[in-house]
Amino acid sequence: MRTSSNQWGFLSQSIIMSQYAVLSVGAKSWRCLPCLRTELRLDLTLSCGQSFRWRETGDGHWTGVMGGRVWTLTQTEDTLWYYTYSMQDSEGKVKGRKRSAEARPDGPVKRTRGMITVKEEPAEDHEPKAKTTEHDHKEEELLKDYFQLNVNLADLYKQWGTADTHFKSIAKAFTGVRMLRQDPTECLFSFICTSNNHISRIQGMVERLCNTLGAPLCQLDGTPYHDFPTLQVLADSSVESCLRNLGFGYRARFLQQSARQIMDTHDLDWLDSLRSVPYLQAQEALRSLPGVGLKVADCVCLMSLDKAQAVPVDTHVWQIAQRDYRCTVGKGLKSLTDKVYRDIGNFFRELWGPYAGWAQSVLFCSDLKKFQDLKAMAVKKEEVTEVNITNKKNKKT
């Protein structure tokens, strides 16, 4: 299924942003909310394999799609700043549906021949103040919900560090790793793409999926941004062959069949409704879908269905359990069985408690190749601390 002419017609007629918003330029058009960096680090949270829709588009600036809008996020030590390029409803059709036809930033703009550019404001010596309007409330609530800012992360880190000395040593350099609360449809179908895959390739696949089947939102510096495809679109019989042509391989069938099964046996709100059922019930419900095993089900439970105790286990997490915790579960086996999977999850749940999935994400993040320099710094600081403590003890004796 190729992008329809109607869809591209809509995109060409929509407003095109000439550049990404940057806090240091036009800062008054940004909005903000209080948030310590120890409670949220964008660089760790948005690039550790939870969501595949975010890119660092400037130094410390992250742009992606959330809640049907394109956002750019950045932060200072105690503030989360955000800029949205939102849709304004007007007549227009995409795939036969009425659709909003204009992408409009909320900040000051100037218009020239159908183009919108962010109006540059003079540089200021003092800390910029974001504008506040009634319109801010909805977007602020979206952001708080997405990052689950109601959860006190510092308290959780303290609890995990008290129970787990290894976690405590790693957490010093990996503060602010939060679990996202994603849209269940986007989360499910993104993670079906993760089978035998790595983060950068998954990002490319999800981008192609959205650019081909999702409704267009806007372009920034020539990069198109699309909403995530709906269940109805994903369930179409032509989707499998379309995605195979895009390099999805066997995953193409799972994507289309899972969407079709949800449409045929449930309703459009079924995935959202799993937020209100017990963890194991939600896990089993998801496993009934083609291409969804224990790990994918747990990723969806943890990252979109409010199941903080879900611990996604793959061979990588299994290695962490064996190497760093001397966990002997499944010792001698070459692959994960369902029993080993559950036993490892239970091991971590007993260690970390009801938010075990959040704690696991910190260690998973710290073990990614891209963050090894940061991890090495944490280990080095720990070694220096141990040496200092030893020296003090020797002096006393």
Protein backbone atom coordinates (compact mmCIF):
# COMPACT_ATOMS: atom_id res chain seq x y z
CA MET A 1 0.00 0.00 0.00
CA ARG A 2 1.64 3.21 -1.13
CA THR A 3 0.88 6.63 0.25
CA SER A 4 -2.21 7.82 -1.61
CA SER A 5 -2.26 10.86 -3.85
CA ASN A 6 -4.85 12.40 -1.51
CA GLN A 7 -2.44 11.94 1.37
CA TRP A 8 0.47 13.55 -0.40
CA GLY A 9 -1.83 16.26 -1.70
CA PHE A 10 -2.75 17.02 1.86
CA LEU A 11 0.89 17.06 2.86
CA SER A 12 1.89 19.43 0.07
CA GLN A 13 -0.93 21.81 0.95
CA SER A 14 -0.22 21.71 4.70
CA ILE A 15 2.00 24.24 6.35
CA ILE A 16 5.67 23.26 6.23
CA MET A 17 7.96 24.35 9.04
CA SER A 18 11.26 25.64 7.74
CA GLN A 19 13.22 24.76 10.86
CA TYR A 20 13.00 23.03 14.19
CA ALA A 21 12.23 25.18 17.19
CA VAL A 22 15.24 25.84 19.42
CA LEU A 23 14.94 27.17 22.95
CA SER A 24 17.76 29.69 22.51
CA VAL A 25 15.95 31.20 19.51
CA GLY A 26 12.40 32.45 20.07
CA ALA A 27 12.35 31.16 23.63
CA LYS A 28 9.24 33.15 24.54
CA SER A 29 7.18 30.88 22.27
CA TRP A 30 8.05 27.84 24.40
CA ARG A 31 6.12 26.60 27.41
CA CYS A 32 7.48 24.78 30.41
CA LEU A 33 6.72 22.88 33.57
CA PRO A 34 8.87 22.24 36.65
CA CYS A 35 10.82 18.98 36.37
CA LEU A 36 14.20 18.16 37.86
CA ARG A 37 16.72 16.42 35.63
CA THR A 38 16.98 13.75 38.33
CA GLU A 39 13.29 13.02 37.72
CA LEU A 40 13.59 12.93 33.93
CA ARG A 41 16.54 12.79 31.56
CA LEU A 42 15.36 13.13 27.99
CA ASP A 43 18.55 11.77 26.45
CA LEU A 44 18.28 8.50 28.37
CA THR A 45 14.51 8.05 28.44
CA LEU A 46 13.82 8.83 24.77
CA SER A 47 16.65 6.75 23.30
CA CYS A 48 16.72 3.59 25.42
CA GLY A 49 14.32 1.55 23.26
CA GLN A 50 10.94 2.41 24.80
CA SER A 51 9.63 4.58 21.98
CA PHE A 52 10.96 4.74 18.43
CA ARG A 53 9.45 8.09 17.41
CA TRP A 54 11.98 10.54 18.91
CA ARG A 55 15.14 12.01 17.34
CA GLU A 56 17.70 14.44 18.71
CA THR A 57 17.23 17.27 16.22
CA GLY A 58 19.48 19.77 17.97
CA ASP A 59 21.83 19.86 20.92
CA GLY A 60 19.65 18.51 23.74
CA HIS A 61 16.48 19.04 21.66
CA TRP A 62 14.29 16.02 20.92
CA THR A 63 11.54 16.03 18.28
CA GLY A 64 8.85 13.38 17.89
CA VAL A 65 5.17 12.58 17.68
CA MET A 66 2.96 12.09 20.72
CA GLY A 67 -0.79 12.47 21.09
CA GLY A 68 -1.27 13.27 17.41
CA ARG A 69 1.06 16.26 17.61
CA VAL A 70 4.67 16.99 16.77
CA TRP A 71 6.71 18.14 19.76
CA THR A 72 10.20 19.44 20.39
CA LEU A 73 11.40 18.93 23.96
CA THR A 74 14.45 20.14 25.83
CA GLN A 75 15.35 20.70 29.46
CA THR A 76 17.38 22.66 31.95
CA GLU A 77 18.34 21.41 35.40
CA ASP A 78 14.91 22.03 36.90
CA THR A 79 12.59 22.68 33.95
CA LEU A 80 11.11 20.70 31.05
CA TRP A 81 10.54 22.93 28.02
CA TYR A 82 8.21 22.01 25.17
CA TYR A 83 7.15 23.38 21.79
CA THR A 84 4.29 21.92 19.74
CA TYR A 85 3.44 22.11 16.07
CA SER A 86 -0.27 21.39 16.39
CA MET A 87 -3.02 20.66 13.89
CA GLN A 88 -5.87 23.06 13.20
CA ASP A 89 -9.12 21.51 12.00
CA SER A 90 -10.32 22.44 8.49
CA GLU A 91 -11.84 20.71 5.51
CA GLY A 92 -9.59 18.13 3.93
CA LYS A 93 -9.61 14.41 3.28
CA VAL A 94 -7.05 11.74 3.87
CA LYS A 95 -7.98 8.21 2.86
CA GLY A 96 -11.60 9.31 2.64
CA ARG A 97 -11.68 10.76 6.17
CA LYS A 98 -12.10 14.40 7.04
CA ARG A 99 -8.83 15.59 8.40
CA SER A 100 -7.24 18.70 9.81
CA ALA A 101 -5.26 20.35 7.06
CA GLU A 102 -2.89 22.76 8.70
CA ALA A 103 0.09 22.33 10.99
CA ARG A 104 0.46 25.43 13.09
CA PRO A 105 3.04 26.15 15.76
CA ASP A 106 1.68 27.73 18.91
CA GLY A 107 4.40 30.32 19.11
CA PRO A 108 4.91 33.60 17.20
CA VAL A 109 5.15 33.00 13.46
CA LYS A 110 5.50 34.89 10.23
CA ARG A 111 3.85 33.71 7.02
CA THR A 112 5.28 33.91 3.53
CA ARG A 113 3.61 32.21 0.56
CA GLY A 114 2.16 29.33 2.49
CA MET A 115 5.29 28.74 4.55
CA ILE A 116 5.63 29.14 8.30
CA THR A 117 8.89 29.86 10.03
CA VAL A 118 9.49 30.25 13.72
CA LYS A 119 9.91 33.94 14.42
CA GLU A 120 13.35 34.53 15.82
CA GLU A 121 13.39 36.59 19.00
CA PRO A 122 16.35 38.68 20.13
CA ALA A 123 18.72 36.82 22.39
CA GLU A 124 18.21 37.65 26.08
CA ASP A 125 20.74 37.59 28.86
CA HIS A 126 18.32 36.28 31.48
CA GLU A 127 16.50 32.94 31.74
CA PRO A 128 13.55 33.02 29.28
CA LYS A 129 10.01 32.78 30.58
CA ALA A 130 7.56 30.57 28.70
CA LYS A 131 4.14 31.97 27.85
CA THR A 132 1.18 30.56 29.72
CA THR A 133 -2.37 30.43 28.37
CA GLU A 134 -5.45 28.32 28.94
CA HIS A 135 -4.42 26.30 25.90
CA ASP A 136 -1.32 25.17 27.79
CA HIS A 137 -3.27 23.07 30.27
CA LYS A 138 -4.21 20.27 27.86
CA GLU A 139 -0.72 19.92 26.43
CA GLU A 140 0.85 20.09 29.87
CA GLU A 141 -1.42 17.29 31.04
CA LEU A 142 -0.53 15.22 27.95
CA LEU A 143 3.15 15.66 28.73
CA LYS A 144 2.74 14.83 32.42
CA ASP A 145 0.77 11.71 31.52
CA TYR A 146 3.25 10.59 28.84
CA PHE A 147 6.22 10.84 31.22
CA GLN A 148 4.16 9.73 34.25
CA LEU A 149 5.45 12.70 36.21
CA ASN A 150 3.08 11.87 39.06
CA VAL A 151 5.53 9.09 40.02
CA ASN A 152 8.33 10.27 42.34
CA LEU A 153 11.37 8.73 40.71
CA ALA A 154 13.85 9.87 43.37
CA ASP A 155 11.94 7.92 46.02
CA LEU A 156 11.91 4.80 43.84
CA TYR A 157 15.67 5.05 43.16
CA LYS A 158 16.25 5.31 46.90
CA GLN A 159 14.15 2.20 47.57
CA TRP A 160 15.85 0.20 44.81
CA GLY A 161 19.32 1.35 45.92
CA THR A 162 18.61 0.28 49.50
CA ALA A 163 17.57 -3.18 48.32
CA ASP A 164 20.24 -3.56 45.63
CA THR A 165 23.83 -2.30 45.92
CA HIS A 166 24.52 -2.95 42.23
CA PHE A 167 21.58 -0.79 41.22
CA LYS A 168 22.78 1.93 43.60
CA SER A 169 26.20 2.08 41.96
CA ILE A 170 24.77 2.26 38.44
CA ALA A 171 21.98 4.70 39.28
CA LYS A 172 24.42 7.47 40.22
CA ALA A 173 25.11 8.07 36.52
CA PHE A 174 21.70 6.99 35.23
CA THR A 175 19.23 9.10 37.17
CA GLY A 176 16.03 10.22 35.47
CA VAL A 177 15.23 7.09 33.44
CA ARG A 178 11.42 7.04 33.41
CA MET A 179 8.88 4.69 31.90
CA LEU A 180 6.75 6.28 29.20
CA ARG A 181 2.98 5.85 29.15
CA GLN A 182 2.50 5.40 25.42
CA ASP A 183 -0.58 4.94 23.30
CA PRO A 184 -1.30 1.18 23.48
CA THR A 185 -1.84 0.79 19.72
CA GLU A 186 1.43 2.51 18.85
CA CYS A 187 3.29 0.61 21.56
CA LEU A 188 1.94 -2.81 20.54
CA PHE A 189 2.60 -2.53 16.82
CA SER A 190 5.99 -0.89 17.32
CA PHE A 191 7.12 -3.76 19.53
CA ILE A 192 5.88 -6.40 17.10
CA CYS A 193 8.61 -4.93 14.88
CA THR A 194 11.29 -5.61 17.50
CA SER A 195 11.54 -9.36 16.96
CA ASN A 196 15.20 -10.24 16.20
CA ASN A 197 15.98 -6.57 15.71
CA HIS A 198 18.04 -3.72 17.16
CA ILE A 199 16.96 -0.19 18.14
CA SER A 200 18.26 1.76 15.14
CA ARG A 201 16.69 -0.64 12.65
CA ILE A 202 13.41 -0.67 14.56
CA GLN A 203 13.37 3.13 14.45
CA GLY A 204 13.70 2.99 10.67
CA MET A 205 10.91 0.43 10.36
CA VAL A 206 8.51 2.41 12.56
CA GLU A 207 9.33 5.57 10.61
CA ARG A 208 8.57 3.85 7.29
CA LEU A 209 5.37 2.38 8.75
CA CYS A 210 4.14 5.82 9.83
CA ASN A 211 5.27 7.66 6.70
CA THR A 212 3.50 5.12 4.49
CA LEU A 213 0.29 4.43 6.42
CA GLY A 214 -0.08 7.27 8.93
CA ALA A 215 -1.84 10.59 8.43
CA PRO A 216 0.68 13.37 7.68
CA LEU A 217 1.15 16.10 10.26
CA CYS A 218 3.90 18.43 9.04
CA GLN A 219 7.44 18.64 7.72
CA LEU A 220 10.42 20.02 9.61
CA ASP A 221 13.62 20.68 7.70
CA GLY A 222 12.30 18.41 4.97
CA THR A 223 11.57 15.55 7.35
CA PRO A 224 7.90 14.46 7.24
CA TYR A 225 6.12 13.64 10.48
CA HIS A 226 3.08 11.38 10.49
CA ASP A 227 0.66 10.13 13.09
CA PHE A 228 0.79 6.43 13.91
CA PRO A 229 -1.52 4.35 11.65
CA THR A 230 -4.93 3.47 13.05
CA LEU A 231 -6.09 -0.08 13.68
CA GLN A 232 -8.45 0.21 10.73
CA VAL A 233 -5.59 1.09 8.39
CA LEU A 234 -3.28 -1.63 9.75
CA ALA A 235 -6.01 -4.27 9.38
CA ASP A 236 -6.42 -3.65 5.64
CA SER A 237 -5.69 -6.75 3.55
CA SER A 238 -3.12 -4.90 1.44
CA VAL A 239 -0.94 -3.95 4.39
CA GLU A 240 1.09 -7.17 4.54
CA SER A 241 2.39 -6.95 0.98
CA CYS A 242 3.00 -3.23 1.41
CA LEU A 243 5.14 -3.77 4.51
CA ARG A 244 7.01 -6.69 2.96
CA ASN A 245 8.01 -4.34 0.17
CA LEU A 246 9.29 -1.97 2.86
CA GLY A 247 11.55 -4.65 4.34
CA PHE A 248 9.44 -5.82 7.30
CA GLY A 249 9.80 -9.50 6.37
CA TYR A 250 7.70 -11.96 8.41
CA ARG A 251 6.73 -9.15 10.79
CA ALA A 252 4.46 -7.71 8.09
CA ARG A 253 2.05 -10.63 8.47
CA PHE A 254 1.98 -10.29 12.27
CA LEU A 255 1.21 -6.58 12.08
CA GLN A 256 -1.70 -6.98 9.69
CA GLN A 257 -3.11 -10.11 11.32
CA SER A 258 -2.96 -8.70 14.85
CA ALA A 259 -4.83 -5.58 13.75
CA ARG A 260 -7.37 -7.71 11.91
CA GLN A 261 -7.90 -9.96 14.93
CA ILE A 262 -8.49 -7.00 17.24
CA MET A 263 -10.97 -5.51 14.78
CA ASP A 264 -12.82 -8.82 14.31
CA THR A 265 -12.95 -10.11 17.89
CA HIS A 266 -12.82 -6.97 20.03
CA ASP A 267 -13.46 -3.27 19.53
CA LEU A 268 -11.36 -0.14 19.01
CA ASP A 269 -11.11 0.46 22.77
CA TRP A 270 -9.97 -3.06 23.64
CA LEU A 271 -6.27 -2.28 24.01
CA ASP A 272 -7.00 0.74 26.20
CA SER A 273 -9.35 -1.36 28.33
CA LEU A 274 -6.45 -3.66 29.27
CA ARG A 275 -5.15 -0.87 31.50
CA SER A 276 -7.89 -1.69 34.01
CA VAL A 277 -7.34 -5.47 34.21
CA PRO A 278 -4.72 -7.35 36.31
CA TYR A 279 -1.21 -7.69 34.90
CA LEU A 280 -1.26 -11.41 34.10
CA GLN A 281 -4.69 -11.11 32.48
CA ALA A 282 -3.45 -8.30 30.22
CA GLN A 283 -0.32 -10.30 29.40
CA GLU A 284 -2.35 -13.35 28.35
CA ALA A 285 -4.78 -11.25 26.32
CA LEU A 286 -1.91 -9.74 24.33
CA ARG A 287 -0.30 -13.14 23.79
CA SER A 288 -3.39 -14.25 21.89
CA LEU A 289 -2.32 -11.94 19.05
CA PRO A 290 -0.07 -13.14 16.19
CA GLY A 291 3.57 -12.24 16.74
CA VAL A 292 3.16 -11.40 20.43
CA GLY A 293 5.19 -13.50 22.84
CA LEU A 294 5.97 -12.94 26.50
CA LYS A 295 8.57 -10.22 25.95
CA VAL A 296 6.47 -8.12 23.56
CA ALA A 297 3.43 -8.55 25.81
CA ASP A 298 5.43 -7.37 28.83
CA CYS A 299 6.85 -4.39 26.93
CA VAL A 300 3.31 -3.30 26.05
CA CYS A 301 2.10 -3.95 29.62
CA LEU A 302 4.93 -1.91 31.10
CA MET A 303 5.15 0.94 28.59
CA SER A 304 1.49 1.58 27.83
CA LEU A 305 -0.86 -0.42 30.09
CA ASP A 306 0.18 0.76 33.58
CA LYS A 307 1.69 -2.59 34.66
CA ALA A 308 4.79 -1.32 36.49
CA GLN A 309 5.64 -4.82 37.73
CA ALA A 310 6.06 -6.21 34.21
CA VAL A 311 9.73 -7.09 33.54
CA PRO A 312 10.46 -7.66 29.84
CA VAL A 313 13.14 -10.34 29.62
CA ASP A 314 15.29 -11.05 26.58
CA THR A 315 18.73 -12.63 26.31
CA HIS A 316 20.23 -9.23 27.14
CA VAL A 317 18.34 -9.00 30.46
CA TRP A 318 19.10 -12.65 31.12
CA GLN A 319 22.81 -11.85 30.82
CA ILE A 320 22.42 -8.95 33.27
CA ALA A 321 20.76 -11.31 35.75
CA GLN A 322 23.57 -13.86 35.43
CA ARG A 323 26.51 -11.46 35.25
CA ASP A 324 25.53 -8.82 37.81
CA TYR A 325 23.28 -10.80 40.16
CA ARG A 326 24.69 -14.32 39.90
CA CYS A 327 21.18 -15.50 39.14
CA THR A 328 21.36 -19.19 38.24
CA VAL A 329 17.89 -19.40 36.67
CA GLY A 330 18.18 -21.26 33.38
CA LYS A 331 21.87 -21.97 33.85
CA GLY A 332 23.16 -24.23 31.08
CA LEU A 333 20.26 -23.47 28.72
CA LYS A 334 20.98 -21.83 25.37
CA SER A 335 17.62 -20.11 24.97
CA LEU A 336 14.85 -18.69 27.13
CA THR A 337 11.95 -20.95 27.94
CA ASP A 338 8.64 -19.60 29.25
CA LYS A 339 9.51 -20.94 32.71
CA VAL A 340 12.94 -19.32 32.75
CA TYR A 341 11.38 -16.08 31.52
CA ARG A 342 8.87 -16.02 34.38
CA ASP A 343 11.46 -17.07 36.97
CA ILE A 344 13.79 -14.22 36.00
CA GLY A 345 10.90 -11.76 36.12
CA ASN A 346 9.94 -13.05 39.57
CA PHE A 347 13.57 -12.76 40.72
CA PHE A 348 13.61 -9.06 39.88
CA ARG A 349 10.10 -8.46 41.22
CA GLU A 350 11.13 -9.91 44.58
CA LEU A 351 14.25 -7.74 44.57
CA TRP A 352 12.77 -4.42 43.45
CA GLY A 353 9.08 -4.59 44.33
CA PRO A 354 5.96 -3.33 42.52
CA TYR A 355 7.87 -0.98 40.18
CA ALA A 356 10.34 -3.68 39.11
CA GLY A 357 9.83 -2.91 35.43
CA TRP A 358 10.98 0.67 35.98
CA ALA A 359 14.13 -0.48 37.81
CA GLN A 360 14.92 -3.00 35.09
CA SER A 361 14.76 -0.22 32.48
CA VAL A 362 17.55 1.66 34.28
CA LEU A 363 19.90 -1.33 34.10
CA PHE A 364 18.84 -2.08 30.51
CA CYS A 365 19.63 1.53 29.59
CA SER A 366 23.01 1.40 31.33
CA ASP A 367 23.96 -1.72 29.37
CA LEU A 368 23.34 -0.22 25.91
CA LYS A 369 26.50 0.32 23.86
CA LYS A 370 25.73 4.01 23.33
CA PHE A 371 25.91 4.64 27.09
CA GLN A 372 29.01 2.63 27.97
CA ASP A 373 31.14 5.74 28.53
CA LEU A 374 28.58 6.98 31.04
CA LYS A 375 28.51 3.59 32.74
CA ALA A 376 32.32 3.47 32.89
CA MET A 377 32.30 6.84 34.68
CA ALA A 378 29.83 5.46 37.24
CA VAL A 379 31.99 2.39 37.86
CA LYS A 380 35.15 4.52 38.15
CA LYS A 381 33.51 6.82 40.71
CA GLU A 382 32.42 3.78 42.69
CA GLU A 383 35.98 2.43 42.69
CA VAL A 384 37.36 5.80 43.85
CA THR A 385 34.79 5.92 46.65
CA GLU A 386 35.74 2.42 47.79
CA VAL A 387 39.44 3.34 47.80
CA ASN A 388 38.79 6.47 49.87
CA ILE A 389 36.70 4.53 52.39
CA THR A 390 39.44 1.88 52.69
CA ASN A 391 42.14 4.52 53.19
CA LYS A 392 40.13 6.21 55.93
CA LYS A 393 39.69 2.91 57.72
CA ASN A 394 43.44 2.16 57.46
CA LYS A 395 44.32 5.59 58.92
CA LYS A 396 42.06 4.97 61.91
CA THR A 397 43.71 1.64 62.64
